[in-house]
């Protein structure tokens, strides 16, 4: 069974919306405002590209990433790997042609089936609503969280407010950086 890894830039109060400067959001670009850039705090991002064998996203994140990421040197590792987009509305005609193999999945059942295939880890980027649905369905195996020392108050959150049983996590890797960022890697305990 393949490991499904959710990776996120997240504020201390759980907001994941528009970390990189996506237009139209209240706190857009919060990861780069007033926080000293320390390359070592972002080492996990390079490691994710080396370890992942596929990428999963929701429609909104796909529509934000696909015009930009294929030509970015920082994300070159993702260009060749298979991508999966969970959407009930996207069509094949909506997919970009210069970002490698992309498959549209129509349901969480199809994501569960993908996890049952042969291969290595699948990384989930962005996709707040998809992350909430995947978590609620018990499909996420690991979280890679880069926690920023900010309270944003409003915005899309990584975790849903669904009333469900407690889900235990096991901290398997962590580090704090001089700029206040924290790396926390958690495995979901089953």
N, C-alpha and C. Protein backbone atom coordinates (compact mmCIF):
# COMPACT_ATOMS: atom_id res chain seq x y z
N UNK A 1 0.84 -1.18 0.00
CA UNK A 1 0.00 0.00 0.00
C UNK A 1 0.89 1.25 0.00
N UNK A 2 0.53 2.23 -0.83
CA UNK A 2 1.30 3.45 -0.94
C UNK A 2 0.98 4.39 0.23
N UNK A 3 1.97 5.16 0.62
CA UNK A 3 1.82 6.14 1.70
C UNK A 3 1.31 7.45 1.11
N UNK A 4 0.25 8.00 1.70
CA UNK A 4 -0.29 9.29 1.28
C UNK A 4 0.18 10.34 2.29
N UNK A 5 0.96 11.31 1.79
CA UNK A 5 1.58 12.33 2.64
C UNK A 5 0.95 13.68 2.33
N UNK A 6 0.43 14.32 3.36
CA UNK A 6 -0.07 15.69 3.24
C UNK A 6 1.04 16.63 3.65
N UNK A 7 1.40 17.56 2.77
CA UNK A 7 2.44 18.52 3.10
C UNK A 7 1.84 19.92 3.07
N UNK A 8 2.20 20.74 4.07
CA UNK A 8 1.57 22.06 4.13
C UNK A 8 2.46 23.07 4.84
N UNK A 9 2.38 24.31 4.34
CA UNK A 9 2.79 25.47 5.11
C UNK A 9 1.55 25.83 5.91
N UNK A 10 1.70 25.96 7.22
CA UNK A 10 0.54 26.14 8.07
C UNK A 10 0.84 27.16 9.16
N UNK A 11 -0.11 28.04 9.44
CA UNK A 11 0.05 28.99 10.54
C UNK A 11 -0.20 28.25 11.85
N UNK A 12 0.19 28.84 12.93
CA UNK A 12 0.00 28.20 14.23
C UNK A 12 -1.47 27.94 14.54
N UNK A 13 -2.36 28.73 13.96
CA UNK A 13 -3.79 28.50 14.18
C UNK A 13 -4.44 27.68 13.06
N UNK A 14 -3.62 27.00 12.25
CA UNK A 14 -4.14 26.00 11.32
C UNK A 14 -4.50 26.47 9.93
N UNK A 15 -4.23 27.73 9.59
CA UNK A 15 -4.58 28.25 8.27
C UNK A 15 -3.52 27.82 7.25
N UNK A 16 -3.99 27.37 6.08
CA UNK A 16 -3.11 26.96 4.99
C UNK A 16 -3.38 27.74 3.70
N UNK A 17 -4.32 28.64 3.72
CA UNK A 17 -4.77 29.36 2.53
C UNK A 17 -3.73 30.36 2.02
N UNK A 18 -3.44 30.29 0.71
CA UNK A 18 -2.63 31.27 -0.03
C UNK A 18 -1.27 31.58 0.59
N UNK A 19 -0.47 30.58 0.93
CA UNK A 19 0.83 30.87 1.55
C UNK A 19 1.82 31.54 0.59
N UNK A 20 1.68 31.27 -0.70
CA UNK A 20 2.68 31.75 -1.65
C UNK A 20 2.36 33.04 -2.38
N UNK A 21 1.25 33.66 -2.08
CA UNK A 21 0.94 34.93 -2.73
C UNK A 21 -0.17 34.85 -3.75
N UNK A 22 -0.96 33.79 -3.73
CA UNK A 22 -2.07 33.65 -4.65
C UNK A 22 -3.00 34.85 -4.49
N UNK A 23 -3.42 35.45 -5.59
CA UNK A 23 -4.23 36.66 -5.49
C UNK A 23 -5.65 36.37 -4.98
N UNK A 24 -6.23 37.41 -4.36
CA UNK A 24 -7.63 37.33 -3.96
C UNK A 24 -7.89 36.80 -2.56
N UNK A 25 -6.85 36.58 -1.77
CA UNK A 25 -7.04 36.06 -0.42
C UNK A 25 -6.57 37.10 0.60
N UNK A 26 -7.23 37.12 1.73
CA UNK A 26 -6.98 38.11 2.78
C UNK A 26 -5.51 38.18 3.20
N UNK A 27 -4.89 37.06 3.46
CA UNK A 27 -3.51 37.03 3.96
C UNK A 27 -2.52 36.49 2.93
N UNK A 28 -2.81 36.67 1.68
CA UNK A 28 -2.01 36.11 0.60
C UNK A 28 -0.51 36.39 0.78
N UNK A 29 0.30 35.34 0.64
CA UNK A 29 1.75 35.47 0.72
C UNK A 29 2.31 35.53 2.12
N UNK A 30 1.56 35.05 3.09
CA UNK A 30 1.96 35.16 4.49
C UNK A 30 3.26 34.45 4.83
N UNK A 31 3.69 33.50 4.04
CA UNK A 31 4.93 32.77 4.36
C UNK A 31 6.18 33.61 4.13
N UNK A 32 6.04 34.69 3.37
CA UNK A 32 7.22 35.48 3.03
C UNK A 32 7.17 36.91 3.57
N UNK A 33 6.19 37.19 4.42
CA UNK A 33 6.05 38.54 4.98
C UNK A 33 6.60 38.59 6.39
N UNK A 34 7.71 39.27 6.57
CA UNK A 34 8.25 39.51 7.91
C UNK A 34 8.89 38.32 8.58
N UNK A 35 9.16 37.27 7.82
CA UNK A 35 9.83 36.10 8.39
C UNK A 35 11.13 35.89 7.62
N UNK A 36 12.23 35.90 8.33
CA UNK A 36 13.54 35.73 7.69
C UNK A 36 13.59 34.39 6.96
N UNK A 37 14.07 34.40 5.73
CA UNK A 37 14.20 33.17 4.96
C UNK A 37 15.45 32.43 5.39
N UNK A 38 15.28 31.21 5.83
CA UNK A 38 16.39 30.33 6.18
C UNK A 38 16.27 29.08 5.31
N UNK A 39 17.19 28.87 4.38
CA UNK A 39 17.08 27.73 3.45
C UNK A 39 16.91 26.39 4.15
N UNK A 40 17.59 26.20 5.29
CA UNK A 40 17.53 24.91 5.97
C UNK A 40 16.11 24.58 6.46
N UNK A 41 15.30 25.60 6.70
CA UNK A 41 13.93 25.35 7.14
C UNK A 41 13.08 24.74 6.02
N UNK A 42 13.54 24.90 4.79
CA UNK A 42 12.77 24.40 3.65
C UNK A 42 13.39 23.15 3.02
N UNK A 43 14.40 22.58 3.66
CA UNK A 43 15.03 21.36 3.14
C UNK A 43 14.04 20.24 2.90
N UNK A 44 13.02 20.17 3.73
CA UNK A 44 12.03 19.10 3.60
C UNK A 44 11.32 19.17 2.24
N UNK A 45 11.21 20.36 1.66
CA UNK A 45 10.54 20.52 0.37
C UNK A 45 11.32 19.83 -0.74
N UNK A 46 12.65 19.93 -0.71
CA UNK A 46 13.48 19.22 -1.69
C UNK A 46 13.42 17.72 -1.47
N UNK A 47 13.44 17.32 -0.22
CA UNK A 47 13.36 15.90 0.12
C UNK A 47 12.05 15.29 -0.37
N UNK A 48 10.96 16.05 -0.26
CA UNK A 48 9.66 15.55 -0.72
C UNK A 48 9.69 15.23 -2.21
N UNK A 49 10.34 16.07 -3.00
CA UNK A 49 10.41 15.82 -4.44
C UNK A 49 11.24 14.57 -4.75
N UNK A 50 12.26 14.32 -3.94
CA UNK A 50 13.10 13.14 -4.13
C UNK A 50 12.38 11.85 -3.73
N UNK A 51 11.57 11.91 -2.67
CA UNK A 51 10.95 10.72 -2.12
C UNK A 51 9.60 10.38 -2.73
N UNK A 52 8.85 11.40 -3.14
CA UNK A 52 7.51 11.16 -3.70
C UNK A 52 7.62 10.54 -5.08
N UNK A 53 6.62 9.73 -5.42
CA UNK A 53 6.58 9.12 -6.75
C UNK A 53 5.34 9.58 -7.53
N UNK A 54 4.47 10.33 -6.86
CA UNK A 54 3.27 10.88 -7.51
C UNK A 54 2.79 12.06 -6.68
N UNK A 55 2.01 12.94 -7.32
CA UNK A 55 1.46 14.09 -6.63
C UNK A 55 -0.05 14.08 -6.79
N UNK A 56 -0.75 14.43 -5.70
CA UNK A 56 -2.21 14.48 -5.67
C UNK A 56 -2.63 15.88 -5.28
N UNK A 57 -3.65 16.42 -5.95
CA UNK A 57 -4.18 17.73 -5.61
C UNK A 57 -5.65 17.79 -5.92
N UNK A 58 -6.29 18.80 -5.35
CA UNK A 58 -7.66 19.10 -5.70
C UNK A 58 -7.69 20.03 -6.90
N UNK A 59 -8.88 20.27 -7.41
CA UNK A 59 -9.04 21.10 -8.61
C UNK A 59 -8.49 22.51 -8.42
N UNK A 60 -8.83 23.16 -7.31
CA UNK A 60 -8.41 24.54 -7.10
C UNK A 60 -6.89 24.66 -7.08
N UNK A 61 -6.22 23.75 -6.38
CA UNK A 61 -4.76 23.78 -6.34
C UNK A 61 -4.17 23.46 -7.71
N UNK A 62 -4.75 22.49 -8.41
CA UNK A 62 -4.27 22.19 -9.76
C UNK A 62 -4.36 23.43 -10.64
N UNK A 63 -5.48 24.13 -10.58
CA UNK A 63 -5.65 25.33 -11.41
C UNK A 63 -4.68 26.44 -11.01
N UNK A 64 -4.25 26.48 -9.74
CA UNK A 64 -3.27 27.47 -9.30
C UNK A 64 -1.84 27.06 -9.67
N UNK A 65 -1.52 25.77 -9.52
CA UNK A 65 -0.15 25.30 -9.73
C UNK A 65 0.18 25.06 -11.20
N UNK A 66 -0.75 24.50 -11.97
CA UNK A 66 -0.43 24.04 -13.33
C UNK A 66 0.04 25.13 -14.28
N UNK A 67 -0.36 26.40 -14.14
CA UNK A 67 0.19 27.40 -15.04
C UNK A 67 1.62 27.84 -14.64
N UNK A 68 2.04 27.52 -13.40
CA UNK A 68 3.29 28.06 -12.87
C UNK A 68 4.34 26.99 -12.61
N UNK A 69 3.98 25.94 -11.90
CA UNK A 69 4.95 24.94 -11.46
C UNK A 69 5.69 24.22 -12.58
N UNK A 70 5.08 23.92 -13.72
CA UNK A 70 5.82 23.17 -14.75
C UNK A 70 7.12 23.84 -15.19
N UNK A 71 7.19 25.16 -15.13
CA UNK A 71 8.37 25.88 -15.59
C UNK A 71 9.27 26.38 -14.47
N UNK A 72 8.94 26.04 -13.22
CA UNK A 72 9.75 26.49 -12.09
C UNK A 72 10.84 25.49 -11.75
N UNK A 73 12.07 25.97 -11.71
CA UNK A 73 13.20 25.11 -11.39
C UNK A 73 13.06 24.48 -10.01
N UNK A 74 12.48 25.24 -9.05
CA UNK A 74 12.29 24.73 -7.68
C UNK A 74 11.40 23.50 -7.64
N UNK A 75 10.56 23.30 -8.64
CA UNK A 75 9.63 22.17 -8.66
C UNK A 75 9.89 21.21 -9.81
N UNK A 76 11.12 21.21 -10.32
CA UNK A 76 11.47 20.36 -11.46
C UNK A 76 11.22 18.88 -11.18
N UNK A 77 11.39 18.46 -9.94
CA UNK A 77 11.19 17.05 -9.60
C UNK A 77 9.76 16.59 -9.78
N UNK A 78 8.82 17.51 -9.72
CA UNK A 78 7.41 17.15 -9.88
C UNK A 78 6.98 17.06 -11.34
N UNK A 79 7.76 17.66 -12.23
CA UNK A 79 7.33 17.73 -13.63
C UNK A 79 7.14 16.34 -14.24
N UNK A 80 8.09 15.45 -14.00
CA UNK A 80 8.04 14.13 -14.63
C UNK A 80 7.15 13.13 -13.90
N UNK A 81 6.88 13.37 -12.63
CA UNK A 81 6.11 12.36 -11.89
C UNK A 81 4.61 12.44 -12.22
N UNK A 82 3.91 11.32 -12.14
CA UNK A 82 2.47 11.32 -12.40
C UNK A 82 1.74 12.22 -11.41
N UNK A 83 0.73 12.91 -11.92
CA UNK A 83 -0.10 13.77 -11.09
C UNK A 83 -1.54 13.29 -11.16
N UNK A 84 -2.23 13.41 -10.03
CA UNK A 84 -3.64 13.02 -9.92
C UNK A 84 -4.40 14.21 -9.37
N UNK A 85 -5.51 14.53 -10.00
CA UNK A 85 -6.34 15.65 -9.58
C UNK A 85 -7.71 15.10 -9.22
N UNK A 86 -8.14 15.36 -7.99
CA UNK A 86 -9.46 14.92 -7.55
C UNK A 86 -10.44 16.04 -7.88
N UNK A 87 -11.36 15.74 -8.79
CA UNK A 87 -12.33 16.75 -9.22
C UNK A 87 -13.54 16.09 -9.86
N UNK A 88 -14.70 16.65 -9.59
CA UNK A 88 -15.90 16.17 -10.27
C UNK A 88 -16.24 17.05 -11.46
N UNK A 89 -15.49 18.14 -11.65
CA UNK A 89 -15.83 19.07 -12.72
C UNK A 89 -14.76 19.21 -13.81
N UNK A 90 -13.49 18.97 -13.51
CA UNK A 90 -12.45 19.09 -14.54
C UNK A 90 -12.67 18.06 -15.64
N UNK A 91 -12.27 18.43 -16.85
CA UNK A 91 -12.28 17.49 -17.98
C UNK A 91 -10.86 17.37 -18.50
N UNK A 92 -10.63 16.41 -19.35
CA UNK A 92 -9.30 16.22 -19.96
C UNK A 92 -8.86 17.50 -20.68
N UNK A 93 -9.79 18.22 -21.27
CA UNK A 93 -9.47 19.46 -21.99
C UNK A 93 -8.97 20.56 -21.06
N UNK A 94 -9.25 20.45 -19.75
CA UNK A 94 -8.81 21.46 -18.78
C UNK A 94 -7.37 21.25 -18.33
N UNK A 95 -6.78 20.10 -18.65
CA UNK A 95 -5.44 19.77 -18.18
C UNK A 95 -4.37 20.42 -19.06
N UNK A 96 -3.28 20.87 -18.43
CA UNK A 96 -2.17 21.42 -19.20
C UNK A 96 -1.39 20.27 -19.83
N UNK A 97 -0.74 20.56 -20.95
CA UNK A 97 -0.05 19.50 -21.69
C UNK A 97 1.44 19.43 -21.41
N UNK A 98 1.99 20.41 -20.70
CA UNK A 98 3.44 20.48 -20.50
C UNK A 98 3.87 20.15 -19.07
N UNK A 99 3.05 19.38 -18.35
CA UNK A 99 3.39 19.06 -16.97
C UNK A 99 3.39 17.55 -16.71
N UNK A 100 3.51 16.78 -17.75
CA UNK A 100 3.57 15.33 -17.59
C UNK A 100 2.21 14.69 -17.45
N UNK A 101 2.23 13.41 -17.18
CA UNK A 101 1.01 12.60 -17.08
C UNK A 101 0.12 13.08 -15.93
N UNK A 102 -1.14 13.36 -16.25
CA UNK A 102 -2.11 13.80 -15.23
C UNK A 102 -3.39 13.00 -15.41
N UNK A 103 -3.88 12.47 -14.29
CA UNK A 103 -5.11 11.66 -14.29
C UNK A 103 -6.13 12.33 -13.38
N UNK A 104 -7.36 12.39 -13.84
CA UNK A 104 -8.44 12.95 -13.04
C UNK A 104 -9.10 11.80 -12.26
N UNK A 105 -9.21 11.99 -10.95
CA UNK A 105 -9.92 11.04 -10.10
C UNK A 105 -11.23 11.70 -9.69
N UNK A 106 -12.31 10.96 -9.70
CA UNK A 106 -13.63 11.54 -9.46
C UNK A 106 -14.14 11.37 -8.03
N UNK A 107 -13.44 10.58 -7.20
CA UNK A 107 -13.97 10.32 -5.86
C UNK A 107 -12.85 9.90 -4.90
N UNK A 108 -13.18 9.93 -3.61
CA UNK A 108 -12.24 9.43 -2.61
C UNK A 108 -12.04 7.92 -2.74
N UNK A 109 -13.05 7.22 -3.25
CA UNK A 109 -12.88 5.78 -3.50
C UNK A 109 -11.77 5.55 -4.53
N UNK A 110 -11.67 6.43 -5.51
CA UNK A 110 -10.60 6.30 -6.51
C UNK A 110 -9.25 6.62 -5.89
N UNK A 111 -9.21 7.55 -4.93
CA UNK A 111 -7.96 7.83 -4.21
C UNK A 111 -7.57 6.60 -3.39
N UNK A 112 -8.53 6.00 -2.71
CA UNK A 112 -8.26 4.79 -1.93
C UNK A 112 -7.73 3.68 -2.83
N UNK A 113 -8.28 3.54 -4.02
CA UNK A 113 -7.82 2.53 -4.98
C UNK A 113 -6.39 2.85 -5.44
N UNK A 114 -6.10 4.12 -5.66
CA UNK A 114 -4.73 4.52 -6.05
C UNK A 114 -3.74 4.13 -4.96
N UNK A 115 -4.10 4.31 -3.71
CA UNK A 115 -3.22 3.93 -2.61
C UNK A 115 -2.91 2.44 -2.60
N UNK A 116 -3.81 1.63 -3.15
CA UNK A 116 -3.63 0.18 -3.18
C UNK A 116 -2.71 -0.29 -4.31
N UNK A 117 -2.31 0.62 -5.21
CA UNK A 117 -1.46 0.24 -6.34
C UNK A 117 -0.01 0.12 -5.91
N UNK A 118 0.81 -0.42 -6.79
CA UNK A 118 2.25 -0.50 -6.55
C UNK A 118 2.86 0.88 -6.71
N UNK A 119 3.90 1.16 -5.94
CA UNK A 119 4.61 2.41 -6.08
C UNK A 119 4.93 3.02 -4.74
N UNK A 120 5.62 4.14 -4.81
CA UNK A 120 6.07 4.82 -3.61
C UNK A 120 5.08 5.86 -3.13
N UNK A 121 5.55 6.75 -2.26
CA UNK A 121 4.68 7.75 -1.63
C UNK A 121 4.01 8.69 -2.63
N UNK A 122 2.81 9.10 -2.25
CA UNK A 122 2.03 10.09 -3.00
C UNK A 122 1.96 11.33 -2.12
N UNK A 123 2.33 12.48 -2.66
CA UNK A 123 2.36 13.73 -1.90
C UNK A 123 1.17 14.60 -2.27
N UNK A 124 0.51 15.17 -1.26
CA UNK A 124 -0.63 16.06 -1.48
C UNK A 124 -0.17 17.48 -1.20
N UNK A 125 -0.24 18.34 -2.22
CA UNK A 125 0.13 19.75 -2.07
C UNK A 125 -1.11 20.62 -2.09
N UNK A 126 -1.10 21.68 -1.27
CA UNK A 126 -2.22 22.62 -1.25
C UNK A 126 -3.51 21.89 -0.89
N UNK A 127 -4.58 22.22 -1.59
CA UNK A 127 -5.80 21.42 -1.55
C UNK A 127 -6.42 21.30 -0.16
N UNK A 128 -6.77 22.43 0.44
CA UNK A 128 -7.34 22.43 1.79
C UNK A 128 -8.59 21.56 1.89
N UNK A 129 -9.54 21.74 0.99
CA UNK A 129 -10.79 20.96 1.05
C UNK A 129 -10.50 19.47 0.84
N UNK A 130 -9.62 19.15 -0.09
CA UNK A 130 -9.27 17.75 -0.34
C UNK A 130 -8.59 17.16 0.89
N UNK A 131 -7.66 17.90 1.50
CA UNK A 131 -7.00 17.40 2.71
C UNK A 131 -8.00 17.08 3.80
N UNK A 132 -8.98 17.94 3.98
CA UNK A 132 -10.00 17.69 5.00
C UNK A 132 -10.77 16.42 4.69
N UNK A 133 -11.16 16.24 3.44
CA UNK A 133 -11.91 15.03 3.05
C UNK A 133 -11.06 13.78 3.18
N UNK A 134 -9.79 13.86 2.77
CA UNK A 134 -8.89 12.71 2.88
C UNK A 134 -8.68 12.33 4.34
N UNK A 135 -8.49 13.33 5.20
CA UNK A 135 -8.30 13.07 6.62
C UNK A 135 -9.55 12.45 7.23
N UNK A 136 -10.71 13.04 6.93
CA UNK A 136 -11.96 12.52 7.48
C UNK A 136 -12.22 11.08 7.03
N UNK A 137 -11.73 10.72 5.83
CA UNK A 137 -11.92 9.37 5.31
C UNK A 137 -10.83 8.40 5.77
N UNK A 138 -9.86 8.90 6.54
CA UNK A 138 -8.78 8.04 7.04
C UNK A 138 -7.78 7.65 5.98
N UNK A 139 -7.59 8.48 4.96
CA UNK A 139 -6.70 8.13 3.86
C UNK A 139 -5.29 8.72 3.98
N UNK A 140 -5.08 9.70 4.86
CA UNK A 140 -3.76 10.29 5.02
C UNK A 140 -2.95 9.45 6.00
N UNK A 141 -1.70 9.17 5.62
CA UNK A 141 -0.80 8.35 6.43
C UNK A 141 0.24 9.18 7.18
N UNK A 142 0.59 10.34 6.63
CA UNK A 142 1.65 11.16 7.23
C UNK A 142 1.39 12.63 6.91
N UNK A 143 1.82 13.48 7.84
CA UNK A 143 1.76 14.93 7.65
C UNK A 143 3.17 15.50 7.70
N UNK A 144 3.52 16.32 6.73
CA UNK A 144 4.74 17.13 6.74
C UNK A 144 4.28 18.57 6.93
N UNK A 145 4.46 19.11 8.11
CA UNK A 145 3.96 20.44 8.41
C UNK A 145 5.12 21.40 8.69
N UNK A 146 5.17 22.49 7.95
CA UNK A 146 6.10 23.56 8.22
C UNK A 146 5.26 24.66 8.87
N UNK A 147 5.38 24.77 10.19
CA UNK A 147 4.52 25.64 11.00
C UNK A 147 5.17 27.01 11.13
N UNK A 148 4.41 28.04 10.73
CA UNK A 148 4.89 29.42 10.78
C UNK A 148 4.39 30.08 12.06
N UNK A 149 5.23 30.91 12.70
CA UNK A 149 4.85 31.54 13.96
C UNK A 149 3.91 32.73 13.73
N UNK A 150 2.75 32.43 13.21
CA UNK A 150 1.74 33.44 12.89
C UNK A 150 0.37 32.96 13.30
N UNK A 151 -0.48 33.88 13.70
CA UNK A 151 -1.89 33.62 13.91
C UNK A 151 -2.63 34.44 12.86
N UNK A 152 -3.19 33.77 11.86
CA UNK A 152 -3.83 34.47 10.75
C UNK A 152 -5.31 34.72 10.97
N UNK A 153 -5.91 33.98 11.88
CA UNK A 153 -7.31 34.20 12.22
C UNK A 153 -8.28 33.63 11.22
N UNK A 154 -8.26 34.12 10.02
CA UNK A 154 -9.24 33.68 9.00
C UNK A 154 -8.52 32.97 7.87
N UNK A 155 -9.26 32.10 7.20
CA UNK A 155 -8.72 31.41 6.03
C UNK A 155 -9.00 29.93 6.09
N UNK A 156 -8.79 29.28 4.95
CA UNK A 156 -9.00 27.83 4.87
C UNK A 156 -8.02 27.13 5.79
N UNK A 157 -8.52 26.11 6.45
CA UNK A 157 -7.71 25.38 7.42
C UNK A 157 -7.40 23.97 6.90
N UNK A 158 -6.31 23.41 7.40
CA UNK A 158 -5.90 22.08 6.97
C UNK A 158 -6.84 21.01 7.50
N UNK A 159 -7.29 21.17 8.73
CA UNK A 159 -8.10 20.14 9.35
C UNK A 159 -9.56 20.56 9.41
N UNK A 160 -10.45 19.61 9.18
CA UNK A 160 -11.88 19.91 9.17
C UNK A 160 -12.41 20.07 10.60
N UNK A 161 -13.59 20.60 10.70
CA UNK A 161 -14.27 20.75 11.98
C UNK A 161 -15.28 19.62 12.18
N UNK A 162 -15.17 18.57 11.39
CA UNK A 162 -16.07 17.43 11.49
C UNK A 162 -15.97 16.79 12.87
N UNK A 163 -17.10 16.46 13.44
CA UNK A 163 -17.13 15.76 14.73
C UNK A 163 -16.81 14.30 14.46
N UNK A 164 -15.62 13.87 14.84
CA UNK A 164 -15.19 12.49 14.59
C UNK A 164 -14.35 12.01 15.76
N UNK A 165 -14.07 10.73 15.75
CA UNK A 165 -13.25 10.16 16.81
C UNK A 165 -11.85 10.76 16.78
N UNK A 166 -11.19 10.73 17.92
CA UNK A 166 -9.82 11.21 18.05
C UNK A 166 -8.92 10.44 17.10
N UNK A 167 -8.04 11.16 16.43
CA UNK A 167 -7.05 10.52 15.55
C UNK A 167 -5.69 10.82 16.16
N UNK A 168 -4.99 9.78 16.54
CA UNK A 168 -3.68 9.95 17.16
C UNK A 168 -2.61 10.08 16.09
N UNK A 169 -1.62 10.92 16.40
CA UNK A 169 -0.48 11.13 15.53
C UNK A 169 0.79 10.83 16.32
N UNK A 170 1.81 10.34 15.62
CA UNK A 170 3.10 10.07 16.26
C UNK A 170 4.14 10.98 15.62
N UNK A 171 4.76 11.84 16.43
CA UNK A 171 5.81 12.73 15.94
C UNK A 171 7.04 11.91 15.63
N UNK A 172 7.46 11.91 14.35
CA UNK A 172 8.61 11.10 13.95
C UNK A 172 9.82 11.94 13.57
N UNK A 173 9.59 13.25 13.37
CA UNK A 173 10.70 14.15 13.03
C UNK A 173 10.28 15.57 13.38
N UNK A 174 11.20 16.34 13.93
CA UNK A 174 10.87 17.73 14.26
C UNK A 174 12.15 18.55 14.35
N UNK A 175 11.99 19.82 14.09
CA UNK A 175 13.10 20.75 14.23
C UNK A 175 12.53 22.15 14.33
N UNK A 176 13.17 22.98 15.16
CA UNK A 176 12.81 24.39 15.27
C UNK A 176 13.96 25.20 14.68
N UNK A 177 13.61 26.29 14.02
CA UNK A 177 14.60 27.11 13.33
C UNK A 177 14.67 28.51 13.96
N UNK A 178 15.77 29.20 13.74
CA UNK A 178 16.02 30.50 14.35
C UNK A 178 14.98 31.55 13.96
N UNK A 179 14.30 31.36 12.83
CA UNK A 179 13.28 32.32 12.40
C UNK A 179 11.90 32.01 12.97
N UNK A 180 11.81 31.00 13.83
CA UNK A 180 10.55 30.65 14.47
C UNK A 180 9.77 29.55 13.79
N UNK A 181 10.17 29.16 12.57
CA UNK A 181 9.49 28.06 11.90
C UNK A 181 9.77 26.75 12.63
N UNK A 182 8.81 25.83 12.53
CA UNK A 182 8.98 24.50 13.09
C UNK A 182 8.62 23.47 12.02
N UNK A 183 9.44 22.46 11.90
CA UNK A 183 9.12 21.32 11.04
C UNK A 183 8.59 20.22 11.95
N UNK A 184 7.40 19.72 11.61
CA UNK A 184 6.80 18.60 12.35
C UNK A 184 6.34 17.56 11.34
N UNK A 185 6.86 16.35 11.49
CA UNK A 185 6.45 15.24 10.64
C UNK A 185 5.75 14.24 11.54
N UNK A 186 4.50 13.96 11.22
CA UNK A 186 3.68 13.06 12.02
C UNK A 186 3.22 11.88 11.18
N UNK A 187 3.29 10.68 11.74
CA UNK A 187 2.61 9.53 11.16
C UNK A 187 1.25 9.40 11.83
N UNK A 188 0.25 9.03 11.04
CA UNK A 188 -1.08 8.76 11.58
C UNK A 188 -1.04 7.38 12.22
N UNK A 189 -1.46 7.28 13.47
CA UNK A 189 -1.49 6.01 14.18
C UNK A 189 -2.81 5.33 13.88
N UNK A 190 -2.74 4.11 13.39
CA UNK A 190 -3.96 3.35 13.04
C UNK A 190 -4.24 2.32 14.11
